[in-house]
Amino acid sequence: ALPILGAIIVSIIWANILPITYSATARVKLDHVIPSNQIPKGYPNYAVESYDPYAIQTEFEIILSENILSNVISRLNLKEVWGKKYFNGEPLSSSETLEILKARLSLKPVGNTSLISITSYSESATECATLANAVAESFRDYNADLVRASINSSTQVGKPALLSKDRK
């Protein structure tokens, strides 16, 4: 009985010492844009979607890339905000801010779907929701740019553009 009581007391003390951490999750849907020169002859543009066994991991790497996360950092002014919050008002470098942001993110595939969950963690519920949404929006904007580039390249050579489904 004494070891159980001791474990309960330690658990209560430990739970009161640890800071509260919130999490927020945003989901993004993966759709693939296939360059028009890769569509087999005779197939309608909307009917072709290739299978890529590495697609999810590739998308994870893109989401965690400096290209995507630097947009989040600048949009939310995280160098200054986190500098004030954690480093006595000193703005953080881009690399420091990037590493902190990556450490606060978790990416997971949603089983049997083409969805990715982007979860962020913070001591502030508002901040973690803002982070998760900003990462999802930056990824959406990146994909919209890819679609525009695909349309421009395929229409410039006189081939029909392919848009599979709307990206969310």
N, C-alpha and C. Protein backbone atom coordinates (compact mmCIF):
# COMPACT_ATOMS: atom_id res chain seq x y z
N ALA A 1 0.82 -1.19 0.00
CA ALA A 1 0.00 0.00 0.00
C ALA A 1 0.87 1.26 0.00
N LEU A 2 2.00 1.20 0.72
CA LEU A 2 2.88 2.35 0.80
C LEU A 2 3.48 2.72 -0.56
N PRO A 3 3.95 1.75 -1.38
CA PRO A 3 4.48 2.12 -2.70
C PRO A 3 3.41 2.74 -3.61
N ILE A 4 2.19 2.24 -3.51
CA ILE A 4 1.11 2.79 -4.33
C ILE A 4 0.81 4.22 -3.90
N LEU A 5 0.74 4.47 -2.60
CA LEU A 5 0.49 5.80 -2.09
C LEU A 5 1.61 6.75 -2.50
N GLY A 6 2.83 6.27 -2.45
CA GLY A 6 3.99 7.09 -2.86
C GLY A 6 3.92 7.44 -4.34
N ALA A 7 3.54 6.48 -5.17
CA ALA A 7 3.42 6.72 -6.60
C ALA A 7 2.32 7.75 -6.89
N ILE A 8 1.22 7.69 -6.16
CA ILE A 8 0.12 8.64 -6.34
C ILE A 8 0.57 10.04 -5.96
N ILE A 9 1.27 10.16 -4.84
CA ILE A 9 1.75 11.47 -4.38
C ILE A 9 2.74 12.06 -5.39
N VAL A 10 3.67 11.25 -5.89
CA VAL A 10 4.64 11.71 -6.88
C VAL A 10 3.91 12.14 -8.16
N SER A 11 2.92 11.39 -8.57
CA SER A 11 2.15 11.73 -9.78
C SER A 11 1.43 13.06 -9.62
N ILE A 12 0.86 13.30 -8.48
CA ILE A 12 0.14 14.56 -8.23
C ILE A 12 1.12 15.73 -8.24
N ILE A 13 2.25 15.58 -7.59
CA ILE A 13 3.25 16.65 -7.56
C ILE A 13 3.78 16.90 -8.97
N TRP A 14 4.10 15.84 -9.68
CA TRP A 14 4.63 15.95 -11.04
C TRP A 14 3.64 16.64 -11.98
N ALA A 15 2.37 16.29 -11.86
CA ALA A 15 1.34 16.90 -12.72
C ALA A 15 1.19 18.38 -12.44
N ASN A 16 1.42 18.81 -11.22
CA ASN A 16 1.30 20.23 -10.89
C ASN A 16 2.54 21.03 -11.25
N ILE A 17 3.67 20.38 -11.42
CA ILE A 17 4.92 21.06 -11.80
C ILE A 17 4.99 21.30 -13.30
N LEU A 18 4.56 20.32 -14.09
CA LEU A 18 4.66 20.43 -15.54
C LEU A 18 3.75 21.52 -16.08
N PRO A 19 4.23 22.27 -17.08
CA PRO A 19 3.37 23.28 -17.67
C PRO A 19 2.26 22.62 -18.51
N ILE A 20 1.17 23.32 -18.64
CA ILE A 20 0.07 22.84 -19.47
C ILE A 20 0.47 22.99 -20.93
N THR A 21 0.27 21.95 -21.71
CA THR A 21 0.57 22.01 -23.13
C THR A 21 -0.71 21.72 -23.90
N TYR A 22 -0.99 22.58 -24.87
CA TYR A 22 -2.16 22.43 -25.72
C TYR A 22 -1.73 21.89 -27.06
N SER A 23 -2.66 21.30 -27.76
CA SER A 23 -2.39 20.86 -29.13
C SER A 23 -3.57 21.27 -30.01
N ALA A 24 -3.25 21.52 -31.26
CA ALA A 24 -4.28 21.85 -32.24
C ALA A 24 -3.91 21.14 -33.54
N THR A 25 -4.90 20.68 -34.26
CA THR A 25 -4.65 19.92 -35.49
C THR A 25 -5.41 20.53 -36.66
N ALA A 26 -4.70 20.66 -37.76
CA ALA A 26 -5.31 21.04 -39.04
C ALA A 26 -5.06 19.88 -39.99
N ARG A 27 -5.96 19.65 -40.90
CA ARG A 27 -5.79 18.57 -41.88
C ARG A 27 -5.71 19.16 -43.28
N VAL A 28 -4.86 18.54 -44.08
CA VAL A 28 -4.75 18.93 -45.48
C VAL A 28 -4.99 17.70 -46.34
N LYS A 29 -5.60 17.92 -47.49
CA LYS A 29 -5.88 16.83 -48.43
C LYS A 29 -4.84 16.87 -49.53
N LEU A 30 -4.32 15.70 -49.84
CA LEU A 30 -3.33 15.59 -50.91
C LEU A 30 -4.03 15.24 -52.21
N ASP A 31 -3.80 16.03 -53.21
CA ASP A 31 -4.23 15.74 -54.57
C ASP A 31 -3.01 15.88 -55.43
N HIS A 32 -2.97 15.13 -56.48
CA HIS A 32 -1.76 15.11 -57.31
C HIS A 32 -2.01 15.82 -58.62
N VAL A 33 -1.08 16.65 -58.99
CA VAL A 33 -1.11 17.29 -60.29
C VAL A 33 -0.14 16.52 -61.16
N ILE A 34 -0.65 16.00 -62.25
CA ILE A 34 0.20 15.22 -63.16
C ILE A 34 0.51 16.08 -64.37
N PRO A 35 1.78 16.29 -64.66
CA PRO A 35 2.11 17.08 -65.84
C PRO A 35 1.45 16.50 -67.09
N SER A 36 0.99 17.38 -67.96
CA SER A 36 0.24 16.93 -69.12
C SER A 36 1.04 16.00 -70.03
N ASN A 37 2.36 16.12 -70.01
CA ASN A 37 3.17 15.24 -70.86
C ASN A 37 3.29 13.83 -70.29
N GLN A 38 2.78 13.59 -69.07
CA GLN A 38 2.83 12.26 -68.48
C GLN A 38 1.50 11.53 -68.55
N ILE A 39 0.48 12.16 -69.10
CA ILE A 39 -0.84 11.54 -69.20
C ILE A 39 -0.84 10.62 -70.42
N PRO A 40 -1.19 9.34 -70.23
CA PRO A 40 -1.23 8.44 -71.39
C PRO A 40 -2.24 8.91 -72.43
N LYS A 41 -1.92 8.69 -73.69
CA LYS A 41 -2.82 9.11 -74.77
C LYS A 41 -4.16 8.39 -74.63
N GLY A 42 -5.22 9.13 -74.86
CA GLY A 42 -6.55 8.54 -74.82
C GLY A 42 -7.22 8.66 -73.46
N TYR A 43 -6.49 9.02 -72.41
CA TYR A 43 -7.09 9.16 -71.09
C TYR A 43 -7.55 10.59 -70.90
N PRO A 44 -8.75 10.77 -70.35
CA PRO A 44 -9.16 12.13 -70.04
C PRO A 44 -8.28 12.66 -68.90
N ASN A 45 -8.04 13.94 -68.90
CA ASN A 45 -7.14 14.55 -67.90
C ASN A 45 -7.53 14.23 -66.47
N TYR A 46 -8.83 14.24 -66.17
CA TYR A 46 -9.28 14.06 -64.80
C TYR A 46 -9.21 12.60 -64.34
N ALA A 47 -9.03 11.66 -65.25
CA ALA A 47 -9.13 10.24 -64.89
C ALA A 47 -7.80 9.63 -64.44
N VAL A 48 -6.71 10.33 -64.62
CA VAL A 48 -5.41 9.74 -64.36
C VAL A 48 -4.86 10.26 -63.05
N GLU A 49 -4.58 9.37 -62.14
CA GLU A 49 -3.86 9.71 -60.92
C GLU A 49 -2.88 8.58 -60.67
N SER A 50 -1.61 8.92 -60.65
CA SER A 50 -0.61 7.88 -60.48
C SER A 50 -0.47 7.51 -59.00
N TYR A 51 0.00 6.30 -58.76
CA TYR A 51 0.25 5.84 -57.40
C TYR A 51 1.71 6.06 -57.07
N ASP A 52 1.96 6.67 -55.94
CA ASP A 52 3.33 6.91 -55.48
C ASP A 52 3.44 6.41 -54.04
N PRO A 53 4.17 5.33 -53.81
CA PRO A 53 4.27 4.78 -52.45
C PRO A 53 5.00 5.72 -51.49
N TYR A 54 5.71 6.70 -52.00
CA TYR A 54 6.45 7.62 -51.16
C TYR A 54 5.76 8.98 -51.04
N ALA A 55 4.55 9.08 -51.54
CA ALA A 55 3.87 10.38 -51.60
C ALA A 55 3.71 11.02 -50.22
N ILE A 56 3.25 10.25 -49.24
CA ILE A 56 3.02 10.83 -47.92
C ILE A 56 4.32 11.33 -47.30
N GLN A 57 5.38 10.52 -47.36
CA GLN A 57 6.65 10.95 -46.79
C GLN A 57 7.20 12.16 -47.53
N THR A 58 7.01 12.18 -48.84
CA THR A 58 7.45 13.34 -49.63
C THR A 58 6.71 14.59 -49.18
N GLU A 59 5.40 14.47 -48.99
CA GLU A 59 4.62 15.62 -48.55
C GLU A 59 5.02 16.06 -47.14
N PHE A 60 5.34 15.10 -46.26
CA PHE A 60 5.83 15.46 -44.92
C PHE A 60 7.09 16.31 -45.03
N GLU A 61 8.01 15.88 -45.88
CA GLU A 61 9.26 16.62 -46.04
C GLU A 61 9.01 18.01 -46.61
N ILE A 62 8.07 18.12 -47.53
CA ILE A 62 7.73 19.43 -48.09
C ILE A 62 7.14 20.32 -47.02
N ILE A 63 6.22 19.79 -46.22
CA ILE A 63 5.59 20.59 -45.17
C ILE A 63 6.63 21.08 -44.17
N LEU A 64 7.59 20.24 -43.82
CA LEU A 64 8.62 20.62 -42.84
C LEU A 64 9.80 21.35 -43.47
N SER A 65 9.71 21.65 -44.76
CA SER A 65 10.82 22.32 -45.44
C SER A 65 10.89 23.79 -45.06
N GLU A 66 12.07 24.34 -45.27
CA GLU A 66 12.27 25.77 -45.00
C GLU A 66 11.36 26.62 -45.89
N ASN A 67 11.12 26.15 -47.10
CA ASN A 67 10.26 26.87 -48.04
C ASN A 67 8.86 27.10 -47.46
N ILE A 68 8.28 26.09 -46.87
CA ILE A 68 6.93 26.20 -46.29
C ILE A 68 6.98 26.93 -44.95
N LEU A 69 7.88 26.49 -44.06
CA LEU A 69 7.90 27.02 -42.70
C LEU A 69 8.42 28.45 -42.62
N SER A 70 9.27 28.87 -43.56
CA SER A 70 9.73 30.26 -43.52
C SER A 70 8.56 31.22 -43.78
N ASN A 71 7.60 30.78 -44.58
CA ASN A 71 6.39 31.60 -44.79
C ASN A 71 5.59 31.72 -43.49
N VAL A 72 5.51 30.63 -42.74
CA VAL A 72 4.80 30.65 -41.45
C VAL A 72 5.52 31.59 -40.49
N ILE A 73 6.84 31.48 -40.44
CA ILE A 73 7.64 32.31 -39.54
C ILE A 73 7.44 33.79 -39.85
N SER A 74 7.48 34.16 -41.12
CA SER A 74 7.31 35.58 -41.46
C SER A 74 5.86 36.03 -41.29
N ARG A 75 4.90 35.19 -41.66
CA ARG A 75 3.48 35.55 -41.54
C ARG A 75 3.10 35.81 -40.09
N LEU A 76 3.64 35.00 -39.17
CA LEU A 76 3.29 35.13 -37.76
C LEU A 76 4.32 35.93 -36.96
N ASN A 77 5.36 36.42 -37.64
CA ASN A 77 6.42 37.21 -37.01
C ASN A 77 7.04 36.45 -35.82
N LEU A 78 7.32 35.17 -36.02
CA LEU A 78 7.75 34.31 -34.92
C LEU A 78 9.14 34.64 -34.40
N LYS A 79 10.03 35.19 -35.23
CA LYS A 79 11.37 35.55 -34.73
C LYS A 79 11.25 36.54 -33.58
N GLU A 80 10.43 37.55 -33.76
CA GLU A 80 10.27 38.58 -32.73
C GLU A 80 9.38 38.09 -31.60
N VAL A 81 8.27 37.44 -31.94
CA VAL A 81 7.32 36.99 -30.92
C VAL A 81 7.98 36.01 -29.95
N TRP A 82 8.64 34.99 -30.50
CA TRP A 82 9.29 34.01 -29.63
C TRP A 82 10.54 34.59 -28.97
N GLY A 83 11.20 35.53 -29.63
CA GLY A 83 12.35 36.19 -29.01
C GLY A 83 11.94 36.93 -27.75
N LYS A 84 10.82 37.66 -27.83
CA LYS A 84 10.30 38.37 -26.65
C LYS A 84 9.84 37.39 -25.57
N LYS A 85 9.21 36.32 -26.01
CA LYS A 85 8.61 35.37 -25.08
C LYS A 85 9.65 34.51 -24.35
N TYR A 86 10.69 34.08 -25.09
CA TYR A 86 11.61 33.09 -24.53
C TYR A 86 13.06 33.57 -24.38
N PHE A 87 13.45 34.64 -25.06
CA PHE A 87 14.86 35.02 -25.09
C PHE A 87 15.07 36.49 -24.74
N ASN A 88 14.38 36.96 -23.72
CA ASN A 88 14.55 38.32 -23.19
C ASN A 88 14.46 39.41 -24.25
N GLY A 89 13.58 39.26 -25.19
CA GLY A 89 13.37 40.30 -26.19
C GLY A 89 14.30 40.27 -27.37
N GLU A 90 15.30 39.39 -27.37
CA GLU A 90 16.23 39.28 -28.48
C GLU A 90 15.58 38.52 -29.62
N PRO A 91 15.50 39.12 -30.82
CA PRO A 91 14.93 38.37 -31.94
C PRO A 91 15.77 37.13 -32.25
N LEU A 92 15.10 36.09 -32.63
CA LEU A 92 15.78 34.84 -32.96
C LEU A 92 16.29 34.88 -34.40
N SER A 93 17.28 34.05 -34.68
CA SER A 93 17.72 33.90 -36.07
C SER A 93 16.69 33.03 -36.80
N SER A 94 16.77 33.06 -38.11
CA SER A 94 15.84 32.24 -38.90
C SER A 94 16.01 30.77 -38.59
N SER A 95 17.25 30.31 -38.46
CA SER A 95 17.49 28.88 -38.20
C SER A 95 16.99 28.47 -36.81
N GLU A 96 17.18 29.34 -35.80
CA GLU A 96 16.68 29.03 -34.46
C GLU A 96 15.15 28.94 -34.46
N THR A 97 14.52 29.89 -35.12
CA THR A 97 13.06 29.91 -35.18
C THR A 97 12.54 28.69 -35.93
N LEU A 98 13.21 28.33 -37.01
CA LEU A 98 12.82 27.15 -37.79
C LEU A 98 12.89 25.89 -36.95
N GLU A 99 13.96 25.74 -36.17
CA GLU A 99 14.12 24.55 -35.33
C GLU A 99 13.05 24.48 -34.23
N ILE A 100 12.75 25.62 -33.62
CA ILE A 100 11.69 25.64 -32.59
C ILE A 100 10.35 25.28 -33.21
N LEU A 101 10.07 25.84 -34.38
CA LEU A 101 8.80 25.55 -35.05
C LEU A 101 8.70 24.07 -35.40
N LYS A 102 9.76 23.50 -35.96
CA LYS A 102 9.73 22.07 -36.30
C LYS A 102 9.50 21.20 -35.07
N ALA A 103 10.10 21.60 -33.95
CA ALA A 103 9.95 20.81 -32.71
C ALA A 103 8.52 20.86 -32.19
N ARG A 104 7.76 21.88 -32.57
CA ARG A 104 6.39 22.02 -32.10
C ARG A 104 5.36 21.39 -33.04
N LEU A 105 5.84 20.77 -34.10
CA LEU A 105 4.93 20.18 -35.09
C LEU A 105 5.03 18.67 -35.12
N SER A 106 3.91 18.04 -35.39
CA SER A 106 3.86 16.60 -35.59
C SER A 106 2.96 16.33 -36.80
N LEU A 107 3.46 15.53 -37.73
CA LEU A 107 2.69 15.19 -38.93
C LEU A 107 2.35 13.71 -38.90
N LYS A 108 1.11 13.41 -39.25
CA LYS A 108 0.67 12.01 -39.30
C LYS A 108 -0.30 11.82 -40.44
N PRO A 109 -0.20 10.68 -41.13
CA PRO A 109 -1.21 10.39 -42.14
C PRO A 109 -2.50 9.97 -41.45
N VAL A 110 -3.61 10.30 -42.05
CA VAL A 110 -4.91 9.85 -41.55
C VAL A 110 -5.19 8.55 -42.29
N GLY A 111 -5.35 7.47 -41.54
CA GLY A 111 -5.48 6.13 -42.11
C GLY A 111 -6.48 5.99 -43.24
N ASN A 112 -6.06 5.30 -44.29
CA ASN A 112 -6.90 4.99 -45.44
C ASN A 112 -7.51 6.21 -46.13
N THR A 113 -6.79 7.34 -46.06
CA THR A 113 -7.25 8.56 -46.74
C THR A 113 -6.05 9.22 -47.39
N SER A 114 -6.30 10.29 -48.09
CA SER A 114 -5.20 11.10 -48.63
C SER A 114 -5.08 12.38 -47.82
N LEU A 115 -5.35 12.28 -46.50
CA LEU A 115 -5.25 13.42 -45.59
C LEU A 115 -4.00 13.33 -44.74
N ILE A 116 -3.47 14.48 -44.40
CA ILE A 116 -2.36 14.59 -43.45
C ILE A 116 -2.83 15.47 -42.30
N SER A 117 -2.58 15.03 -41.07
CA SER A 117 -2.85 15.84 -39.89
C SER A 117 -1.60 16.60 -39.52
N ILE A 118 -1.75 17.90 -39.36
CA ILE A 118 -0.65 18.76 -38.91
C ILE A 118 -1.03 19.21 -37.50
N THR A 119 -0.30 18.70 -36.51
CA THR A 119 -0.59 19.03 -35.11
C THR A 119 0.53 19.89 -34.57
N SER A 120 0.15 20.96 -33.88
CA SER A 120 1.15 21.81 -33.24
C SER A 120 0.91 21.79 -31.74
N TYR A 121 1.98 22.09 -30.99
CA TYR A 121 1.93 22.07 -29.53
C TYR A 121 2.46 23.40 -29.00
N SER A 122 1.82 23.89 -27.93
CA SER A 122 2.24 25.15 -27.33
C SER A 122 1.64 25.27 -25.94
N GLU A 123 2.18 26.21 -25.17
CA GLU A 123 1.61 26.50 -23.84
C GLU A 123 0.35 27.34 -23.99
N SER A 124 0.11 27.85 -25.19
CA SER A 124 -1.05 28.69 -25.46
C SER A 124 -1.96 28.00 -26.48
N ALA A 125 -3.21 27.85 -26.11
CA ALA A 125 -4.17 27.21 -27.03
C ALA A 125 -4.31 28.03 -28.31
N THR A 126 -4.33 29.33 -28.18
CA THR A 126 -4.46 30.20 -29.36
C THR A 126 -3.25 30.07 -30.26
N GLU A 127 -2.06 30.08 -29.67
CA GLU A 127 -0.84 29.98 -30.47
C GLU A 127 -0.77 28.66 -31.23
N CYS A 128 -1.11 27.55 -30.57
CA CYS A 128 -0.98 26.27 -31.28
C CYS A 128 -2.02 26.16 -32.40
N ALA A 129 -3.20 26.71 -32.22
CA ALA A 129 -4.19 26.70 -33.30
C ALA A 129 -3.71 27.58 -34.46
N THR A 130 -3.15 28.73 -34.13
CA THR A 130 -2.63 29.63 -35.15
C THR A 130 -1.49 28.97 -35.93
N LEU A 131 -0.60 28.27 -35.22
CA LEU A 131 0.53 27.59 -35.88
C LEU A 131 0.04 26.50 -36.83
N ALA A 132 -0.85 25.63 -36.36
CA ALA A 132 -1.33 24.53 -37.19
C ALA A 132 -2.02 25.07 -38.44
N ASN A 133 -2.85 26.08 -38.28
CA ASN A 133 -3.55 26.66 -39.42
C ASN A 133 -2.60 27.36 -40.38
N ALA A 134 -1.60 28.06 -39.84
CA ALA A 134 -0.65 28.76 -40.70
C ALA A 134 0.19 27.79 -41.52
N VAL A 135 0.57 26.66 -40.93
CA VAL A 135 1.33 25.65 -41.68
C VAL A 135 0.45 25.07 -42.79
N ALA A 136 -0.79 24.76 -42.47
CA ALA A 136 -1.72 24.22 -43.49
C ALA A 136 -1.94 25.25 -44.61
N GLU A 137 -2.09 26.51 -44.26
CA GLU A 137 -2.30 27.55 -45.27
C GLU A 137 -1.06 27.73 -46.15
N SER A 138 0.11 27.69 -45.53
CA SER A 138 1.35 27.84 -46.30
C SER A 138 1.52 26.66 -47.27
N PHE A 139 1.17 25.47 -46.82
CA PHE A 139 1.23 24.29 -47.69
C PHE A 139 0.21 24.41 -48.82
N ARG A 140 -0.99 24.87 -48.50
CA ARG A 140 -2.02 25.09 -49.52
C ARG A 140 -1.54 26.10 -50.57
N ASP A 141 -0.94 27.20 -50.11
CA ASP A 141 -0.44 28.22 -51.04
C ASP A 141 0.67 27.67 -51.93
N TYR A 142 1.54 26.85 -51.34
CA TYR A 142 2.62 26.22 -52.10
C TYR A 142 2.03 25.34 -53.21
N ASN A 143 1.02 24.56 -52.87
CA ASN A 143 0.39 23.68 -53.86
C ASN A 143 -0.37 24.47 -54.92
N ALA A 144 -0.99 25.57 -54.52
CA ALA A 144 -1.68 26.41 -55.50
C ALA A 144 -0.67 26.98 -56.50
N ASP A 145 0.51 27.33 -56.02
CA ASP A 145 1.56 27.82 -56.92
C ASP A 145 1.99 26.72 -57.89
N LEU A 146 2.07 25.48 -57.40
CA LEU A 146 2.43 24.35 -58.28
C LEU A 146 1.37 24.15 -59.36
N VAL A 147 0.12 24.25 -58.99
CA VAL A 147 -0.98 24.09 -59.95
C VAL A 147 -0.90 25.18 -61.01
N ARG A 148 -0.70 26.43 -60.55
CA ARG A 148 -0.58 27.54 -61.51
C ARG A 148 0.59 27.32 -62.46
N ALA A 149 1.73 26.86 -61.91
CA ALA A 149 2.90 26.60 -62.75
C ALA A 149 2.61 25.48 -63.75
N SER A 150 1.88 24.45 -63.31
CA SER A 150 1.54 23.34 -64.20
C SER A 150 0.62 23.81 -65.32
N ILE A 151 -0.34 24.65 -64.97
CA ILE A 151 -1.26 25.18 -65.97
C ILE A 151 -0.49 26.04 -66.97
N ASN A 152 0.36 26.91 -66.47
CA ASN A 152 1.13 27.78 -67.35
C ASN A 152 2.03 26.99 -68.28
N SER A 153 2.70 25.96 -67.75
CA SER A 153 3.62 25.19 -68.60
C SER A 153 2.86 24.35 -69.63
N SER A 154 1.69 23.82 -69.26
CA SER A 154 0.97 22.98 -70.21
C SER A 154 0.22 23.81 -71.24
N THR A 155 -0.23 25.00 -70.87
CA THR A 155 -0.93 25.83 -71.85
C THR A 155 0.05 26.51 -72.79
N GLN A 156 1.28 26.69 -72.34
CA GLN A 156 2.28 27.31 -73.21
C GLN A 156 2.69 26.40 -74.34
N VAL A 157 2.61 25.10 -74.13
CA VAL A 157 2.98 24.18 -75.20
C VAL A 157 1.75 23.65 -75.94
N GLY A 158 0.61 24.25 -75.65
CA GLY A 158 -0.60 23.89 -76.38
C GLY A 158 -1.29 22.64 -75.91
N LYS A 159 -0.95 22.14 -74.75
CA LYS A 159 -1.60 20.94 -74.22
C LYS A 159 -2.61 21.35 -73.16
N PRO A 160 -3.66 20.55 -72.97
CA PRO A 160 -4.65 20.90 -71.95
C PRO A 160 -4.05 20.79 -70.55
N ALA A 161 -4.49 21.66 -69.68
CA ALA A 161 -4.01 21.65 -68.30
C ALA A 161 -4.75 20.58 -67.50
N LEU A 162 -4.07 20.06 -66.48
CA LEU A 162 -4.68 19.05 -65.62
C LEU A 162 -4.80 19.60 -64.22
N LEU A 163 -5.99 19.60 -63.73
CA LEU A 163 -6.25 19.89 -62.33
C LEU A 163 -7.04 18.70 -61.83
N SER A 164 -6.48 17.93 -60.90
CA SER A 164 -7.22 16.74 -60.48
C SER A 164 -8.40 17.14 -59.62
N LYS A 165 -8.16 17.61 -58.40
CA LYS A 165 -9.24 18.02 -57.52
C LYS A 165 -8.77 19.27 -56.80
N ASP A 166 -9.69 19.99 -56.24
CA ASP A 166 -9.30 21.18 -55.49
C ASP A 166 -8.51 20.78 -54.27
N ARG A 167 -7.41 21.47 -54.02
CA ARG A 167 -6.62 21.23 -52.80
C ARG A 167 -7.23 22.02 -51.67
N LYS A 168 -7.25 21.42 -50.53
CA LYS A 168 -7.79 22.11 -49.34
C LYS A 168 -6.66 22.42 -48.41
